[in-house]
Amino acid sequence: MGRILFWVILGFVVWLLWRGAFRAPAPRGSAGAPAQSPTGEDMIACARCGVHLPRSEAREEGGRLVCRDNPRCAAPR
Protein backbone atom coordinates (compact mmCIF):
# COMPACT_ATOMS: atom_id res chain seq x y z
CA MET A 1 0.00 0.00 0.00
CA GLY A 2 2.88 2.35 0.81
CA ARG A 3 4.47 1.83 -2.60
CA ILE A 4 1.24 2.64 -4.44
CA LEU A 5 0.82 5.87 -2.49
CA PHE A 6 4.45 6.79 -3.18
CA TRP A 7 4.01 6.29 -6.96
CA VAL A 8 0.72 8.23 -7.01
CA ILE A 9 2.34 11.18 -5.21
CA LEU A 10 5.42 11.01 -7.43
CA GLY A 11 3.23 10.93 -10.55
CA PHE A 12 1.26 13.94 -9.33
CA VAL A 13 4.46 15.94 -8.71
CA VAL A 14 5.81 15.03 -12.16
CA TRP A 15 2.49 16.05 -13.72
CA LEU A 16 2.60 19.45 -11.94
CA LEU A 17 6.16 20.06 -13.11
CA TRP A 18 5.32 19.00 -16.68
CA ARG A 19 2.25 21.25 -16.80
CA GLY A 20 4.19 24.22 -15.40
CA ALA A 21 7.06 23.79 -17.86
CA PHE A 22 4.84 24.40 -20.89
CA ARG A 23 2.72 27.20 -19.47
CA ALA A 24 3.34 30.63 -21.01
CA PRO A 25 4.64 33.16 -18.51
CA ALA A 26 2.16 35.85 -17.49
CA PRO A 27 2.97 39.37 -18.70
CA ARG A 28 4.28 41.71 -16.02
CA GLY A 29 1.77 44.02 -14.39
CA SER A 30 -1.26 42.03 -15.55
CA ALA A 31 -2.27 40.67 -12.17
CA GLY A 32 -5.84 41.90 -11.95
CA ALA A 33 -5.17 45.19 -13.74
CA PRO A 34 -8.27 46.55 -15.47
CA ALA A 35 -8.12 46.89 -19.24
CA GLN A 36 -7.68 50.46 -20.42
CA SER A 37 -7.63 52.06 -23.81
CA PRO A 38 -4.30 53.57 -24.89
CA THR A 39 -5.73 57.08 -24.63
CA GLY A 40 -7.70 56.46 -21.43
CA GLU A 41 -10.87 58.06 -22.84
CA ASP A 42 -14.19 58.02 -21.02
CA MET A 43 -17.04 56.12 -22.63
CA ILE A 44 -20.46 57.77 -22.60
CA ALA A 45 -23.94 56.72 -23.69
CA CYS A 46 -25.71 58.79 -26.35
CA ALA A 47 -28.70 60.59 -24.86
CA ARG A 48 -30.80 59.90 -27.98
CA CYS A 49 -30.04 56.34 -29.11
CA GLY A 50 -28.17 54.85 -26.13
CA VAL A 51 -25.07 53.77 -28.09
CA HIS A 52 -21.85 53.82 -26.04
CA LEU A 53 -19.06 55.83 -27.65
CA PRO A 54 -15.85 57.64 -26.67
CA ARG A 55 -16.37 61.15 -25.37
CA SER A 56 -14.27 62.58 -28.25
CA GLU A 57 -16.81 61.21 -30.77
CA ALA A 58 -19.78 62.91 -29.10
CA ARG A 59 -21.17 66.42 -29.32
CA GLU A 60 -23.24 68.40 -26.89
CA GLU A 61 -26.81 69.11 -27.87
CA GLY A 62 -29.09 70.87 -25.44
CA GLY A 63 -26.87 70.03 -22.48
CA ARG A 64 -26.76 66.30 -23.39
CA LEU A 65 -24.05 64.29 -25.14
CA VAL A 66 -25.18 62.69 -28.43
CA CYS A 67 -23.56 60.89 -31.38
CA ARG A 68 -21.57 63.27 -33.56
CA ASP A 69 -21.24 61.33 -36.84
CA ASN A 70 -23.93 58.64 -36.68
CA PRO A 71 -26.61 59.29 -39.34
CA ARG A 72 -28.88 56.61 -37.85
CA CYS A 73 -28.87 58.16 -34.39
CA ALA A 74 -32.45 58.97 -33.49
CA ALA A 75 -34.53 59.20 -30.37
CA PRO A 76 -35.67 55.81 -29.03
CA ARG A 77 -39.28 54.92 -29.88
C-alpha atoms as a PDB file:
ATOM      1  CA  MET A   1       0.000   0.000   0.000  1.00  0.00           C
ATOM      2  CA  GLY A   2       2.878   2.353   0.807  1.00  0.00           C
ATOM      3  CA  ARG A   3       4.468   1.829  -2.602  1.00  0.00           C
ATOM      4  CA  ILE A   4       1.240   2.637  -4.441  1.00  0.00           C
ATOM      5  CA  LEU A   5       0.817   5.868  -2.487  1.00  0.00           C
ATOM      6  CA  PHE A   6       4.454   6.793  -3.184  1.00  0.00           C
ATOM      7  CA  TRP A   7       4.013   6.294  -6.959  1.00  0.00           C
ATOM      8  CA  VAL A   8       0.725   8.229  -7.005  1.00  0.00           C
ATOM      9  CA  ILE A   9       2.341  11.182  -5.210  1.00  0.00           C
ATOM     10  CA  LEU A  10       5.415  11.013  -7.430  1.00  0.00           C
ATOM     11  CA  GLY A  11       3.232  10.926 -10.553  1.00  0.00           C
ATOM     12  CA  PHE A  12       1.257  13.936  -9.326  1.00  0.00           C
ATOM     13  CA  VAL A  13       4.460  15.936  -8.709  1.00  0.00           C
ATOM     14  CA  VAL A  14       5.809  15.030 -12.156  1.00  0.00           C
ATOM     15  CA  TRP A  15       2.494  16.046 -13.723  1.00  0.00           C
ATOM     16  CA  LEU A  16       2.597  19.447 -11.943  1.00  0.00           C
ATOM     17  CA  LEU A  17       6.160  20.060 -13.113  1.00  0.00           C
ATOM     18  CA  TRP A  18       5.320  18.998 -16.677  1.00  0.00           C
ATOM     19  CA  ARG A  19       2.254  21.247 -16.802  1.00  0.00           C
ATOM     20  CA  GLY A  20       4.185  24.223 -15.400  1.00  0.00           C
ATOM     21  CA  ALA A  21       7.055  23.790 -17.861  1.00  0.00           C
ATOM     22  CA  PHE A  22       4.839  24.398 -20.894  1.00  0.00           C
ATOM     23  CA  ARG A  23       2.721  27.201 -19.469  1.00  0.00           C
ATOM     24  CA  ALA A  24       3.337  30.630 -21.007  1.00  0.00           C
ATOM     25  CA  PRO A  25       4.642  33.164 -18.512  1.00  0.00           C
ATOM     26  CA  ALA A  26       2.158  35.853 -17.495  1.00  0.00           C
ATOM     27  CA  PRO A  27       2.971  39.370 -18.701  1.00  0.00           C
ATOM     28  CA  ARG A  28       4.277  41.713 -16.022  1.00  0.00           C
ATOM     29  CA  GLY A  29       1.772  44.015 -14.388  1.00  0.00           C
ATOM     30  CA  SER A  30      -1.259  42.030 -15.554  1.00  0.00           C
ATOM     31  CA  ALA A  31      -2.274  40.672 -12.173  1.00  0.00           C
ATOM     32  CA  GLY A  32      -5.843  41.901 -11.954  1.00  0.00           C
ATOM     33  CA  ALA A  33      -5.170  45.188 -13.743  1.00  0.00           C
ATOM     34  CA  PRO A  34      -8.272  46.547 -15.474  1.00  0.00           C
ATOM     35  CA  ALA A  35      -8.122  46.891 -19.243  1.00  0.00           C
ATOM     36  CA  GLN A  36      -7.677  50.459 -20.417  1.00  0.00           C
ATOM     37  CA  SER A  37      -7.628  52.058 -23.813  1.00  0.00           C
ATOM     38  CA  PRO A  38      -4.300  53.566 -24.893  1.00  0.00           C
ATOM     39  CA  THR A  39      -5.726  57.080 -24.631  1.00  0.00           C
ATOM     40  CA  GLY A  40      -7.701  56.462 -21.433  1.00  0.00           C
ATOM     41  CA  GLU A  41     -10.866  58.056 -22.838  1.00  0.00           C
ATOM     42  CA  ASP A  42     -14.190  58.021 -21.016  1.00  0.00           C
ATOM     43  CA  MET A  43     -17.039  56.118 -22.629  1.00  0.00           C
ATOM     44  CA  ILE A  44     -20.458  57.772 -22.595  1.00  0.00           C
ATOM     45  CA  ALA A  45     -23.941  56.721 -23.693  1.00  0.00           C
ATOM     46  CA  CYS A  46     -25.709  58.791 -26.353  1.00  0.00           C
ATOM     47  CA  ALA A  47     -28.696  60.585 -24.858  1.00  0.00           C
ATOM     48  CA  ARG A  48     -30.798  59.902 -27.983  1.00  0.00           C
ATOM     49  CA  CYS A  49     -30.040  56.342 -29.108  1.00  0.00           C
ATOM     50  CA  GLY A  50     -28.165  54.846 -26.128  1.00  0.00           C
ATOM     51  CA  VAL A  51     -25.073  53.770 -28.095  1.00  0.00           C
ATOM     52  CA  HIS A  52     -21.852  53.822 -26.038  1.00  0.00           C
ATOM     53  CA  LEU A  53     -19.060  55.831 -27.649  1.00  0.00           C
ATOM     54  CA  PRO A  54     -15.850  57.641 -26.665  1.00  0.00           C
ATOM     55  CA  ARG A  55     -16.374  61.151 -25.369  1.00  0.00           C
ATOM     56  CA  SER A  56     -14.271  62.575 -28.246  1.00  0.00           C
ATOM     57  CA  GLU A  57     -16.808  61.209 -30.772  1.00  0.00           C
ATOM     58  CA  ALA A  58     -19.782  62.905 -29.101  1.00  0.00           C
ATOM     59  CA  ARG A  59     -21.169  66.419 -29.321  1.00  0.00           C
ATOM     60  CA  GLU A  60     -23.238  68.401 -26.892  1.00  0.00           C
ATOM     61  CA  GLU A  61     -26.812  69.107 -27.872  1.00  0.00           C
ATOM     62  CA  GLY A  62     -29.093  70.868 -25.437  1.00  0.00           C
ATOM     63  CA  GLY A  63     -26.865  70.026 -22.478  1.00  0.00           C
ATOM     64  CA  ARG A  64     -26.764  66.302 -23.387  1.00  0.00           C
ATOM     65  CA  LEU A  65     -24.054  64.288 -25.142  1.00  0.00           C
ATOM     66  CA  VAL A  66     -25.175  62.692 -28.426  1.00  0.00           C
ATOM     67  CA  CYS A  67     -23.555  60.895 -31.378  1.00  0.00           C
ATOM     68  CA  ARG A  68     -21.575  63.267 -33.563  1.00  0.00           C
ATOM     69  CA  ASP A  69     -21.239  61.331 -36.842  1.00  0.00           C
ATOM     70  CA  ASN A  70     -23.927  58.641 -36.685  1.00  0.00           C
ATOM     71  CA  PRO A  71     -26.611  59.294 -39.340  1.00  0.00           C
ATOM     72  CA  ARG A  72     -28.884  56.610 -37.854  1.00  0.00           C
ATOM     73  CA  CYS A  73     -28.873  58.156 -34.387  1.00  0.00           C
ATOM     74  CA  ALA A  74     -32.445  58.970 -33.487  1.00  0.00           C
ATOM     75  CA  ALA A  75     -34.529  59.205 -30.368  1.00  0.00           C
ATOM     76  CA  PRO A  76     -35.666  55.815 -29.028  1.00  0.00           C
ATOM     77  CA  ARG A  77     -39.279  54.920 -29.878  1.00  0.00           C
END
